Every structure is written in structure tokens, then in C-alpha cells.
N, C-alpha and C. Protein backbone atom coordinates (compact mmCIF):
# COMPACT_ATOMS: atom_id res chain seq x y z
N MET A 1 -15.14 40.03 -24.28
CA MET A 1 -16.26 39.93 -23.41
C MET A 1 -17.01 38.53 -23.50
N PRO A 2 -16.99 37.65 -22.68
CA PRO A 2 -17.65 36.35 -22.57
C PRO A 2 -19.20 36.45 -22.92
N SER A 3 -19.77 35.65 -23.56
CA SER A 3 -21.09 35.58 -23.89
C SER A 3 -21.86 35.24 -22.49
N GLU A 4 -23.22 35.78 -22.50
CA GLU A 4 -23.98 35.59 -21.20
C GLU A 4 -23.94 34.03 -20.73
N THR A 5 -24.06 33.06 -21.65
CA THR A 5 -24.14 31.71 -21.21
C THR A 5 -22.81 31.07 -21.03
N ALA A 6 -21.72 32.02 -20.99
CA ALA A 6 -20.42 31.44 -20.67
C ALA A 6 -20.29 31.14 -19.22
N THR A 7 -21.32 31.60 -18.42
CA THR A 7 -21.24 31.51 -17.07
C THR A 7 -22.56 30.75 -16.54
N VAL A 8 -22.39 29.58 -16.07
CA VAL A 8 -23.65 28.73 -15.65
C VAL A 8 -23.41 28.46 -14.22
N GLY A 9 -24.46 28.73 -13.48
CA GLY A 9 -24.69 28.17 -12.00
C GLY A 9 -25.27 26.76 -11.74
N VAL A 10 -24.81 25.92 -11.40
CA VAL A 10 -25.31 24.55 -11.11
C VAL A 10 -25.60 24.35 -9.66
N VAL A 11 -27.00 24.25 -9.67
CA VAL A 11 -27.62 23.99 -8.12
C VAL A 11 -27.81 22.56 -7.91
N LEU A 12 -27.13 21.92 -6.79
CA LEU A 12 -27.07 20.60 -6.52
C LEU A 12 -28.39 20.33 -5.64
N ALA A 13 -29.33 19.76 -6.09
CA ALA A 13 -30.58 19.65 -5.33
C ALA A 13 -31.21 18.18 -5.56
N ALA A 14 -30.20 17.18 -5.48
CA ALA A 14 -30.80 15.98 -5.95
C ALA A 14 -30.88 14.86 -4.57
N GLY A 15 -30.37 15.37 -3.36
CA GLY A 15 -30.49 14.58 -2.26
C GLY A 15 -31.73 14.23 -1.57
N ALA A 16 -32.02 13.35 -0.86
CA ALA A 16 -33.20 12.73 -0.11
C ALA A 16 -33.44 13.58 1.07
N SER A 17 -32.53 14.34 1.60
CA SER A 17 -32.76 15.06 2.82
C SER A 17 -33.22 14.12 4.00
N SER A 18 -32.67 12.90 4.10
CA SER A 18 -33.11 11.74 4.94
C SER A 18 -32.97 12.23 6.49
N ARG A 19 -32.00 12.97 6.78
CA ARG A 19 -31.89 13.49 8.29
C ARG A 19 -32.82 14.58 8.53
N MET A 20 -33.12 15.48 7.51
CA MET A 20 -34.16 16.55 7.81
C MET A 20 -35.51 15.80 7.99
N GLY A 21 -35.74 14.65 7.29
CA GLY A 21 -37.15 14.01 7.42
C GLY A 21 -38.05 14.41 6.24
N LYS A 22 -37.82 15.61 5.49
CA LYS A 22 -38.56 16.09 4.38
C LYS A 22 -37.49 16.78 3.58
N ALA A 23 -38.03 17.14 2.37
CA ALA A 23 -37.10 17.77 1.23
C ALA A 23 -36.76 19.18 1.78
N LYS A 24 -35.38 19.28 2.16
CA LYS A 24 -34.91 20.64 2.48
C LYS A 24 -34.84 21.48 1.36
N GLN A 25 -34.82 21.01 0.15
CA GLN A 25 -34.85 22.01 -1.01
C GLN A 25 -36.19 22.62 -0.97
N LEU A 26 -37.19 21.98 -0.39
CA LEU A 26 -38.41 22.65 -0.59
C LEU A 26 -38.92 23.45 0.56
N LEU A 27 -38.17 23.56 1.62
CA LEU A 27 -38.26 24.38 2.89
C LEU A 27 -38.51 25.78 2.37
N GLU A 28 -39.38 26.57 3.01
CA GLU A 28 -39.73 27.93 2.43
C GLU A 28 -39.23 28.97 3.46
N LEU A 29 -38.34 29.89 2.74
CA LEU A 29 -37.97 31.11 3.34
C LEU A 29 -38.55 32.34 2.75
N ASN A 30 -39.21 33.09 3.46
CA ASN A 30 -40.06 34.21 3.03
C ASN A 30 -41.12 33.83 1.87
N GLY A 31 -41.47 32.76 2.05
CA GLY A 31 -42.52 32.18 0.94
C GLY A 31 -41.89 31.69 -0.16
N GLN A 32 -40.62 31.34 -0.20
CA GLN A 32 -39.90 30.79 -1.53
C GLN A 32 -39.13 29.56 -1.04
N PRO A 33 -39.33 28.46 -1.93
CA PRO A 33 -38.72 27.25 -1.63
C PRO A 33 -37.20 27.58 -1.65
N LEU A 34 -36.29 26.94 -1.03
CA LEU A 34 -34.96 27.17 -0.99
C LEU A 34 -34.26 26.88 -2.24
N VAL A 35 -34.70 25.82 -3.04
CA VAL A 35 -34.23 25.74 -4.33
C VAL A 35 -34.53 26.78 -5.30
N GLU A 36 -35.78 27.36 -5.10
CA GLU A 36 -35.97 28.61 -6.03
C GLU A 36 -35.13 29.59 -5.57
N ARG A 37 -35.03 29.96 -4.13
CA ARG A 37 -34.30 30.93 -3.58
C ARG A 37 -32.74 30.87 -4.22
N VAL A 38 -32.14 29.86 -4.20
CA VAL A 38 -30.74 29.72 -4.70
C VAL A 38 -30.58 29.85 -6.22
N SER A 39 -31.55 29.40 -6.91
CA SER A 39 -31.48 29.63 -8.34
C SER A 39 -31.62 31.03 -8.74
N ARG A 40 -32.42 31.80 -7.96
CA ARG A 40 -32.59 33.24 -8.31
C ARG A 40 -31.33 34.08 -7.76
N LEU A 41 -30.64 33.47 -6.70
CA LEU A 41 -29.33 34.27 -6.44
C LEU A 41 -28.50 34.13 -7.37
N ALA A 42 -28.28 32.79 -8.04
CA ALA A 42 -27.31 32.59 -9.05
C ALA A 42 -27.59 33.70 -10.15
N LEU A 43 -28.73 33.75 -10.53
CA LEU A 43 -29.07 34.60 -11.70
C LEU A 43 -28.83 36.07 -11.28
N GLU A 44 -29.32 36.45 -10.02
CA GLU A 44 -28.95 37.85 -9.58
C GLU A 44 -27.45 38.12 -9.63
N ALA A 45 -26.65 37.22 -9.40
CA ALA A 45 -25.19 37.42 -9.11
C ALA A 45 -24.50 37.53 -10.40
N GLY A 46 -25.23 37.18 -11.54
CA GLY A 46 -24.54 37.40 -12.87
C GLY A 46 -24.41 36.18 -13.67
N PHE A 47 -24.58 34.95 -13.14
CA PHE A 47 -24.64 33.69 -13.89
C PHE A 47 -25.74 33.90 -15.15
N GLY A 48 -25.23 33.43 -16.22
CA GLY A 48 -26.08 33.71 -17.50
C GLY A 48 -27.10 32.66 -17.48
N ALA A 49 -27.04 31.39 -16.96
CA ALA A 49 -28.06 30.39 -16.89
C ALA A 49 -27.90 29.49 -15.60
N VAL A 50 -29.05 28.89 -15.22
CA VAL A 50 -28.96 28.17 -14.18
C VAL A 50 -29.40 26.71 -14.33
N VAL A 51 -28.77 25.63 -13.96
CA VAL A 51 -29.11 24.28 -14.18
C VAL A 51 -29.28 23.74 -12.82
N VAL A 52 -30.45 23.10 -12.63
CA VAL A 52 -30.85 22.43 -11.21
C VAL A 52 -30.78 20.90 -11.38
N VAL A 53 -29.95 20.23 -10.60
CA VAL A 53 -29.69 18.86 -10.65
C VAL A 53 -30.81 18.30 -9.76
N THR A 54 -31.72 17.50 -10.16
CA THR A 54 -32.67 16.85 -9.35
C THR A 54 -32.39 15.29 -9.13
N GLY A 55 -33.11 14.54 -8.31
CA GLY A 55 -32.76 13.17 -7.96
C GLY A 55 -34.06 12.81 -7.19
N ALA A 56 -33.87 12.66 -5.92
CA ALA A 56 -35.01 12.16 -4.94
C ALA A 56 -35.95 13.28 -5.01
N ARG A 57 -37.17 13.02 -5.00
CA ARG A 57 -38.44 14.00 -5.08
C ARG A 57 -38.22 14.87 -6.39
N ARG A 58 -37.90 14.36 -7.29
CA ARG A 58 -37.80 15.05 -8.62
C ARG A 58 -38.99 15.95 -9.00
N VAL A 59 -40.05 15.27 -9.09
CA VAL A 59 -41.31 15.96 -9.44
C VAL A 59 -41.60 17.24 -8.46
N ALA A 60 -41.49 17.14 -7.29
CA ALA A 60 -41.81 18.11 -6.42
C ALA A 60 -40.82 19.23 -6.47
N VAL A 61 -39.52 19.03 -6.63
CA VAL A 61 -38.42 19.93 -6.70
C VAL A 61 -38.67 20.68 -8.16
N GLU A 62 -38.89 19.97 -9.17
CA GLU A 62 -39.06 20.59 -10.46
C GLU A 62 -40.36 21.43 -10.49
N ARG A 63 -41.36 21.04 -9.81
CA ARG A 63 -42.53 22.05 -9.80
C ARG A 63 -42.19 23.17 -9.15
N ALA A 64 -41.37 23.37 -8.15
CA ALA A 64 -40.98 24.48 -7.31
C ALA A 64 -40.15 25.50 -8.06
N LEU A 65 -39.56 25.09 -9.13
CA LEU A 65 -38.55 25.92 -9.94
C LEU A 65 -39.29 27.00 -10.83
N PRO A 66 -38.65 28.12 -11.04
CA PRO A 66 -39.10 29.18 -11.87
C PRO A 66 -38.79 28.73 -13.34
N ASP A 67 -39.45 29.46 -14.39
CA ASP A 67 -39.40 28.91 -15.82
C ASP A 67 -37.93 29.17 -16.35
N PHE A 68 -37.08 30.00 -15.75
CA PHE A 68 -35.94 30.29 -16.13
C PHE A 68 -34.85 29.30 -16.05
N VAL A 69 -35.07 28.20 -15.21
CA VAL A 69 -34.06 27.15 -14.82
C VAL A 69 -34.20 26.07 -15.91
N HIS A 70 -33.10 25.44 -16.03
CA HIS A 70 -32.95 24.23 -16.84
C HIS A 70 -32.69 23.12 -15.73
N THR A 71 -33.38 22.06 -15.94
CA THR A 71 -33.15 20.84 -15.04
C THR A 71 -32.47 19.71 -15.72
N VAL A 72 -31.83 18.93 -14.98
CA VAL A 72 -31.27 17.64 -15.33
C VAL A 72 -31.55 16.58 -14.20
N TYR A 73 -31.99 15.51 -14.49
CA TYR A 73 -32.33 14.39 -13.52
C TYR A 73 -31.09 13.55 -13.43
N ASN A 74 -30.62 13.31 -12.18
CA ASN A 74 -29.63 12.53 -11.95
C ASN A 74 -30.04 11.09 -11.39
N PRO A 75 -30.15 10.04 -12.22
CA PRO A 75 -30.63 8.74 -11.81
C PRO A 75 -29.69 8.09 -10.70
N ASP A 76 -28.51 8.52 -10.76
CA ASP A 76 -27.69 7.93 -9.66
C ASP A 76 -27.48 8.77 -8.48
N TRP A 77 -28.37 9.58 -8.14
CA TRP A 77 -28.18 10.64 -7.17
C TRP A 77 -27.96 9.98 -5.65
N ALA A 78 -28.34 8.63 -5.54
CA ALA A 78 -28.19 8.02 -4.22
C ALA A 78 -26.75 7.69 -3.92
N SER A 79 -25.98 7.70 -5.12
CA SER A 79 -24.43 7.25 -4.98
C SER A 79 -23.78 8.38 -4.47
N GLY A 80 -24.15 9.67 -4.29
CA GLY A 80 -23.52 10.76 -3.70
C GLY A 80 -23.43 12.00 -4.59
N MET A 81 -22.66 12.91 -3.98
CA MET A 81 -22.65 14.45 -4.55
C MET A 81 -21.86 14.27 -5.92
N GLY A 82 -20.70 13.43 -6.09
CA GLY A 82 -20.06 13.53 -7.16
C GLY A 82 -20.70 13.22 -8.41
N SER A 83 -21.89 12.27 -8.46
CA SER A 83 -22.62 12.03 -9.66
C SER A 83 -23.50 13.27 -9.96
N SER A 84 -23.93 14.02 -9.01
CA SER A 84 -24.80 15.26 -9.32
C SER A 84 -23.75 16.25 -10.03
N VAL A 85 -22.49 16.56 -9.38
CA VAL A 85 -21.60 17.36 -10.10
C VAL A 85 -21.48 17.00 -11.39
N HIS A 86 -21.20 15.82 -11.71
CA HIS A 86 -21.10 15.28 -13.04
C HIS A 86 -22.30 15.54 -13.99
N ALA A 87 -23.43 15.09 -13.32
CA ALA A 87 -24.61 15.46 -14.21
C ALA A 87 -24.91 16.84 -14.49
N GLY A 88 -24.75 17.61 -13.47
CA GLY A 88 -25.03 19.19 -13.81
C GLY A 88 -24.05 19.75 -14.53
N LEU A 89 -22.73 19.50 -14.62
CA LEU A 89 -21.83 20.10 -15.48
C LEU A 89 -21.85 19.48 -16.74
N SER A 90 -22.17 18.32 -16.94
CA SER A 90 -22.43 17.64 -18.43
C SER A 90 -23.63 18.36 -19.10
N ALA A 91 -24.77 18.49 -18.34
CA ALA A 91 -25.86 19.22 -18.85
C ALA A 91 -25.65 20.65 -19.20
N ALA A 92 -24.83 21.41 -18.40
CA ALA A 92 -24.41 22.78 -18.72
C ALA A 92 -23.61 22.73 -19.96
N ILE A 93 -22.75 21.89 -20.17
CA ILE A 93 -21.84 21.93 -21.45
C ILE A 93 -22.57 21.63 -22.63
N SER A 94 -23.50 20.64 -22.44
CA SER A 94 -24.47 20.30 -23.54
C SER A 94 -25.29 21.48 -23.94
N LEU A 95 -25.91 22.15 -23.09
CA LEU A 95 -26.76 23.13 -23.38
C LEU A 95 -26.03 24.48 -23.69
N PHE A 96 -24.80 24.75 -23.29
CA PHE A 96 -24.10 25.79 -23.56
C PHE A 96 -22.72 25.50 -23.76
N PRO A 97 -22.33 25.00 -25.13
CA PRO A 97 -21.10 24.58 -25.55
C PRO A 97 -19.89 25.72 -25.30
N GLU A 98 -20.37 26.95 -25.29
CA GLU A 98 -19.20 28.04 -25.12
C GLU A 98 -19.05 28.26 -23.43
N LEU A 99 -19.35 27.42 -22.75
CA LEU A 99 -19.30 27.54 -21.34
C LEU A 99 -17.83 27.70 -20.85
N GLN A 100 -17.65 28.77 -20.13
CA GLN A 100 -16.23 28.88 -19.44
C GLN A 100 -16.07 28.97 -17.90
N TYR A 101 -17.25 29.01 -17.33
CA TYR A 101 -17.23 29.27 -15.95
C TYR A 101 -18.41 28.42 -15.47
N SER A 102 -18.26 27.57 -14.40
CA SER A 102 -19.35 26.73 -13.87
C SER A 102 -19.25 27.04 -12.34
N GLY A 103 -20.33 27.39 -11.74
CA GLY A 103 -20.44 27.56 -10.33
C GLY A 103 -21.34 26.55 -9.69
N PHE A 104 -20.93 25.99 -8.56
CA PHE A 104 -21.65 25.01 -7.84
C PHE A 104 -22.26 25.51 -6.61
N LEU A 105 -23.45 25.36 -6.33
CA LEU A 105 -24.28 25.80 -5.18
C LEU A 105 -25.12 24.80 -4.53
N LEU A 106 -25.32 24.83 -3.25
CA LEU A 106 -26.16 23.92 -2.61
C LEU A 106 -27.54 24.66 -2.08
N THR A 107 -28.53 24.02 -1.66
CA THR A 107 -29.76 24.68 -1.24
C THR A 107 -29.71 24.94 0.09
N ASP A 108 -28.87 24.23 0.85
CA ASP A 108 -29.01 24.17 2.26
C ASP A 108 -27.98 25.13 2.95
N GLN A 109 -27.54 26.13 2.16
CA GLN A 109 -26.68 27.19 3.04
C GLN A 109 -27.65 28.58 3.14
N PRO A 110 -28.43 28.79 3.96
CA PRO A 110 -29.28 29.82 4.04
C PRO A 110 -28.76 31.17 4.15
N TYR A 111 -27.56 31.30 4.50
CA TYR A 111 -26.89 32.56 4.52
C TYR A 111 -26.23 32.90 3.42
N LEU A 112 -26.33 32.18 2.26
CA LEU A 112 -25.74 32.55 0.89
C LEU A 112 -26.50 33.87 0.30
N THR A 113 -25.63 34.77 -0.20
CA THR A 113 -26.16 35.87 -0.91
C THR A 113 -25.78 35.92 -2.32
N SER A 114 -26.51 36.72 -3.06
CA SER A 114 -26.04 37.05 -4.45
C SER A 114 -24.89 37.81 -4.48
N GLY A 115 -24.70 38.65 -3.54
CA GLY A 115 -23.42 39.62 -3.25
C GLY A 115 -22.22 38.80 -3.39
N LEU A 116 -22.15 37.70 -2.47
CA LEU A 116 -20.97 36.74 -2.28
C LEU A 116 -20.87 36.06 -3.74
N LEU A 117 -21.66 35.42 -4.25
CA LEU A 117 -21.60 34.75 -5.62
C LEU A 117 -21.07 35.78 -6.52
N ARG A 118 -21.51 37.11 -6.79
CA ARG A 118 -21.12 38.02 -7.63
C ARG A 118 -19.83 38.40 -7.46
N ASP A 119 -19.26 38.63 -6.24
CA ASP A 119 -17.89 38.77 -5.91
C ASP A 119 -16.97 37.60 -6.34
N MET A 120 -17.33 36.46 -6.04
CA MET A 120 -16.69 35.24 -6.55
C MET A 120 -16.46 35.24 -7.99
N LEU A 121 -17.61 35.37 -8.73
CA LEU A 121 -17.42 35.34 -10.14
C LEU A 121 -16.67 36.47 -10.79
N SER A 122 -16.72 37.58 -10.21
CA SER A 122 -16.05 38.75 -10.67
C SER A 122 -14.50 38.57 -10.34
N GLN A 123 -14.00 38.13 -9.26
CA GLN A 123 -12.77 37.80 -8.84
C GLN A 123 -12.05 36.94 -9.85
N LEU A 124 -12.78 35.71 -10.05
CA LEU A 124 -12.11 34.74 -10.96
C LEU A 124 -12.12 35.21 -12.37
N GLN A 125 -12.96 36.00 -12.78
CA GLN A 125 -12.97 36.40 -14.23
C GLN A 125 -11.76 37.44 -14.42
N GLN A 126 -11.38 38.17 -13.30
CA GLN A 126 -10.18 39.09 -13.41
C GLN A 126 -9.08 38.52 -13.01
N SER A 127 -8.85 37.09 -12.90
CA SER A 127 -7.67 36.47 -12.60
C SER A 127 -7.32 35.31 -13.52
N SER A 128 -6.26 34.83 -13.25
CA SER A 128 -5.99 33.56 -14.24
C SER A 128 -6.07 32.31 -13.42
N ALA A 129 -6.65 32.44 -12.20
CA ALA A 129 -6.70 31.25 -11.28
C ALA A 129 -7.73 30.32 -11.90
N PRO A 130 -7.57 28.93 -11.51
CA PRO A 130 -8.46 27.97 -12.30
C PRO A 130 -9.88 27.82 -11.52
N GLY A 131 -10.09 28.57 -10.32
CA GLY A 131 -11.27 28.43 -9.66
C GLY A 131 -11.28 29.37 -8.46
N ILE A 132 -12.60 29.34 -7.80
CA ILE A 132 -12.41 30.19 -6.52
C ILE A 132 -13.62 29.61 -5.68
N ALA A 133 -13.16 29.41 -4.41
CA ALA A 133 -14.24 28.72 -3.49
C ALA A 133 -14.48 29.55 -2.18
N ALA A 134 -15.59 29.24 -1.52
CA ALA A 134 -15.88 29.83 -0.17
C ALA A 134 -14.86 29.34 0.83
N CYS A 135 -14.46 30.00 1.74
CA CYS A 135 -13.56 29.59 2.84
C CYS A 135 -14.30 29.57 4.23
N TYR A 136 -14.46 28.47 4.85
CA TYR A 136 -15.09 28.35 6.22
C TYR A 136 -14.54 27.13 6.80
N ASN A 137 -14.73 27.08 8.16
CA ASN A 137 -14.32 25.83 8.86
C ASN A 137 -12.74 25.45 8.61
N GLY A 138 -12.08 26.50 8.33
CA GLY A 138 -10.62 26.19 8.00
C GLY A 138 -10.34 25.54 6.75
N GLY A 139 -11.36 25.41 5.80
CA GLY A 139 -10.89 24.96 4.57
C GLY A 139 -11.82 25.52 3.48
N LEU A 140 -11.48 25.08 2.22
CA LEU A 140 -12.44 25.59 1.14
C LEU A 140 -13.60 24.59 0.72
N GLY A 141 -14.73 25.26 0.51
CA GLY A 141 -16.07 24.58 0.17
C GLY A 141 -16.88 25.04 -0.90
N VAL A 142 -18.02 24.72 -1.05
CA VAL A 142 -18.94 25.35 -1.98
C VAL A 142 -19.78 26.47 -1.08
N PRO A 143 -20.34 27.49 -1.81
CA PRO A 143 -20.08 27.70 -3.30
C PRO A 143 -18.78 27.78 -3.89
N ALA A 144 -18.68 27.36 -5.11
CA ALA A 144 -17.32 27.48 -5.67
C ALA A 144 -17.59 27.59 -7.11
N VAL A 145 -16.60 28.25 -7.81
CA VAL A 145 -16.71 28.63 -9.36
C VAL A 145 -15.52 28.07 -9.92
N PHE A 146 -15.68 27.25 -11.04
CA PHE A 146 -14.46 26.63 -11.58
C PHE A 146 -14.37 27.19 -13.15
N ARG A 147 -13.19 27.41 -13.60
CA ARG A 147 -12.88 27.71 -15.00
C ARG A 147 -12.86 26.49 -15.80
N ALA A 148 -13.07 26.56 -17.08
CA ALA A 148 -13.09 25.52 -17.90
C ALA A 148 -11.85 24.33 -17.93
N MET A 149 -10.80 25.05 -17.57
CA MET A 149 -9.71 24.11 -17.36
C MET A 149 -9.76 23.06 -16.26
N LEU A 150 -10.74 23.12 -15.37
CA LEU A 150 -10.93 22.01 -14.44
C LEU A 150 -12.10 21.23 -14.68
N PHE A 151 -12.76 21.46 -15.78
CA PHE A 151 -14.03 20.65 -16.08
C PHE A 151 -13.71 19.14 -16.14
N SER A 152 -12.63 18.76 -16.84
CA SER A 152 -12.32 17.25 -16.81
C SER A 152 -12.12 16.81 -15.57
N ASP A 153 -11.58 17.49 -14.55
CA ASP A 153 -11.57 17.00 -13.16
C ASP A 153 -13.01 16.71 -12.50
N LEU A 154 -13.92 17.74 -12.79
CA LEU A 154 -15.20 17.64 -12.29
C LEU A 154 -15.94 16.55 -12.96
N LEU A 155 -15.88 16.38 -14.17
CA LEU A 155 -16.56 15.42 -14.91
C LEU A 155 -16.17 13.95 -14.48
N ALA A 156 -14.85 13.85 -13.90
CA ALA A 156 -14.38 12.52 -13.52
C ALA A 156 -14.80 12.08 -12.20
N LEU A 157 -15.63 13.02 -11.46
CA LEU A 157 -16.16 12.72 -10.12
C LEU A 157 -17.26 11.71 -10.21
N ASN A 158 -17.54 10.85 -9.33
CA ASN A 158 -18.55 9.92 -9.02
C ASN A 158 -18.71 9.66 -7.65
N GLY A 159 -19.91 9.13 -7.38
CA GLY A 159 -20.29 8.44 -5.98
C GLY A 159 -19.97 9.80 -4.98
N GLN A 160 -19.35 9.33 -3.85
CA GLN A 160 -19.42 10.24 -2.59
C GLN A 160 -18.37 11.22 -2.82
N LYS A 161 -17.54 11.27 -3.76
CA LYS A 161 -16.54 12.28 -4.05
C LYS A 161 -17.15 13.51 -4.67
N GLY A 162 -17.33 14.52 -3.97
CA GLY A 162 -17.90 15.69 -4.57
C GLY A 162 -16.93 16.69 -4.83
N ALA A 163 -17.11 17.84 -5.26
CA ALA A 163 -16.12 18.95 -5.72
C ALA A 163 -15.14 18.99 -4.60
N LYS A 164 -15.26 18.74 -3.43
CA LYS A 164 -14.27 18.85 -2.47
C LYS A 164 -13.11 18.26 -2.78
N SER A 165 -12.92 17.12 -3.49
CA SER A 165 -11.80 16.48 -3.86
C SER A 165 -10.97 17.50 -4.91
N VAL A 166 -11.76 17.91 -5.75
CA VAL A 166 -11.12 19.10 -6.71
C VAL A 166 -10.50 20.25 -6.03
N LEU A 167 -11.36 20.75 -5.09
CA LEU A 167 -10.96 21.81 -4.21
C LEU A 167 -9.42 21.39 -3.48
N HIS A 168 -9.43 20.30 -3.08
CA HIS A 168 -8.21 19.91 -2.29
C HIS A 168 -7.13 19.77 -3.27
N LYS A 169 -7.34 19.12 -4.38
CA LYS A 169 -6.36 18.80 -5.37
C LYS A 169 -5.59 20.21 -5.73
N TYR A 170 -6.44 21.27 -5.96
CA TYR A 170 -5.93 22.52 -6.52
C TYR A 170 -5.82 23.61 -5.47
N HIS A 171 -5.83 23.26 -4.19
CA HIS A 171 -6.00 24.15 -3.05
C HIS A 171 -5.02 25.35 -3.18
N ASP A 172 -3.84 24.93 -3.66
CA ASP A 172 -2.72 26.23 -3.70
C ASP A 172 -2.85 26.96 -4.80
N THR A 173 -3.68 26.81 -5.89
CA THR A 173 -3.78 27.76 -6.87
C THR A 173 -5.23 28.35 -7.02
N LEU A 174 -6.29 28.03 -6.11
CA LEU A 174 -7.49 28.69 -6.21
C LEU A 174 -7.60 29.84 -5.39
N LEU A 175 -8.39 30.85 -5.76
CA LEU A 175 -8.91 31.92 -5.10
C LEU A 175 -9.84 31.57 -3.93
N SER A 176 -9.91 32.36 -2.92
CA SER A 176 -10.89 32.11 -1.88
C SER A 176 -11.55 33.28 -1.20
N VAL A 177 -12.74 33.12 -0.99
CA VAL A 177 -13.44 34.29 -0.33
C VAL A 177 -14.09 33.72 1.15
N PRO A 178 -13.84 34.68 2.05
CA PRO A 178 -14.27 34.38 3.51
C PRO A 178 -15.85 34.17 3.53
N PHE A 179 -16.48 33.12 3.98
CA PHE A 179 -17.92 32.94 4.03
C PHE A 179 -17.99 32.08 5.36
N PRO A 180 -17.73 32.64 6.56
CA PRO A 180 -17.93 31.88 7.74
C PRO A 180 -19.18 31.26 8.05
N GLU A 181 -20.23 32.02 7.46
CA GLU A 181 -21.55 31.40 7.65
C GLU A 181 -21.88 30.15 6.75
N GLY A 182 -20.95 29.92 5.82
CA GLY A 182 -21.01 28.77 5.03
C GLY A 182 -21.11 27.47 5.95
N ALA A 183 -20.55 27.49 7.12
CA ALA A 183 -20.31 26.52 7.90
C ALA A 183 -21.61 25.94 8.59
N PHE A 184 -22.63 26.91 8.38
CA PHE A 184 -24.03 26.49 8.98
C PHE A 184 -24.85 26.06 7.73
N ASP A 185 -25.21 24.72 7.67
CA ASP A 185 -26.11 24.29 6.83
C ASP A 185 -27.16 23.47 7.39
N LEU A 186 -28.24 23.10 6.68
CA LEU A 186 -29.41 22.63 7.26
C LEU A 186 -29.56 20.98 6.95
N ASP A 187 -29.19 20.45 8.05
CA ASP A 187 -29.09 18.98 7.84
C ASP A 187 -30.27 18.28 8.63
N LEU A 188 -30.40 18.91 9.87
CA LEU A 188 -31.48 18.38 10.83
C LEU A 188 -32.68 19.33 11.08
N PRO A 189 -33.75 18.88 11.38
CA PRO A 189 -34.87 19.66 11.78
C PRO A 189 -34.50 20.85 12.74
N GLU A 190 -33.67 20.47 13.74
CA GLU A 190 -33.36 21.70 14.66
C GLU A 190 -32.36 22.59 14.17
N ASP A 191 -31.66 22.38 13.16
CA ASP A 191 -30.96 23.27 12.13
C ASP A 191 -31.85 24.39 11.65
N TRP A 192 -32.98 23.86 11.14
CA TRP A 192 -33.95 24.95 10.45
C TRP A 192 -34.59 25.63 11.37
N GLU A 193 -34.95 25.01 12.47
CA GLU A 193 -35.68 25.77 13.58
C GLU A 193 -34.68 26.86 14.29
N ARG A 194 -33.44 26.45 14.39
CA ARG A 194 -32.52 27.46 14.86
C ARG A 194 -32.36 28.72 13.79
N PHE A 195 -32.37 28.41 12.75
CA PHE A 195 -32.17 29.39 11.77
C PHE A 195 -33.42 30.30 11.62
N ILE A 196 -34.64 29.71 11.67
CA ILE A 196 -35.79 30.41 11.65
C ILE A 196 -35.92 31.42 12.83
N ARG A 197 -35.50 30.94 13.86
CA ARG A 197 -35.45 31.85 15.11
C ARG A 197 -34.62 33.07 15.07
N GLN A 198 -33.60 32.92 14.28
CA GLN A 198 -32.65 33.78 14.24
C GLN A 198 -33.10 34.93 13.14
N GLU A 199 -34.02 34.56 12.39
CA GLU A 199 -34.47 35.35 11.06
C GLU A 199 -35.22 36.62 11.65
């Protein structure tokens, strides 16, 4: 039985949300900032610990986080998602040397549930696959959970190349779960308004 901290959820929350015009990590759903919501979903899903990567608006994002969250600041956040994947996984390995599974989550997928994440983690742990990813828009994307055998690939990421390049490289050996709602993310103010109207 793996130890509790063999599984860590890494929340990528370093972006500037320039197209949204304000920090989408801090938009509130049912009175809860999205970055806190995603952190709690990861914990509810069975991840033993949660690491949140901050960058732009670091202070405000950290202030919105619950006590159980570990944070790491990515000074290179402006270079792209790859640097945040690297920063988050490096911090997780440093904090929990026994790490066996690392999940990557975004704050701007409002339809994400703890049930989906729990299912992904469970399926991966019961298989020999190197990882599992959500399937939407005809391809694989985040959330995704990777086994330790792919950590070196993830740590090699930088700049604009996020986890998608790793998902593409190992596409044929990864598990996938349908998450059509994952195609809807919050980039523009009208995205948020549309989502709120549907709630």
C-alpha cells in the first residue's frame, strides 16, 4: 500500500489571466476562490498532499489558499506552463521523496469534480500504464496523473511546452477518461459569465 504522500496533486495557478482581465484563480464559485476549490477537490479525490504553483499575483493567490496546501513560487511563470509543471513537480519531489504519482490540475476548468479525479487516480493505480489523462476535444489534456516513470520527461519541460507534449509523446500507452466538459475553460470574462448563468 503506497504511503499517503505517494500521491500529490499539483495545481498550476501561476498565470496572469491577462485575457480575463483579473485573476481567474481568485474568481469565486459558491463563495470559494477557484484555486481553493481545485485544491480541495484534489484532497477529496484522495491525493495525499496538494502543491500550488504561484507566479503572477503570488501574494493574493497564496492568501486565498487553505492551510493544508504547500506552495511554490515559479519566478519564470511568464515563460509558460512548462516552467510551472517543472516547478510544481520539483517541489513535490523535494517535499515527498516517496512520490509515486503526480496529478496536474488547472483552476479554470469549472466542471472538474473530485469524482473524476478519484476515478483517474484509482484507474492508474490499478494498472501498469505510465499515466492517465482526461479526454476532450478529440485529444488528451489535463487533468492528468503521471506515474514516477514519466517524472524525468515532466521535469525536462520549460517555457510554453506544458504537459501536453508529454501526453502526446506517450499517447499510445496512456489511459484516458472522458471529460467532455474539460473543453470549457475560463479564459475570457464572457466565459465566466456564461458559466455563472448556467449554474
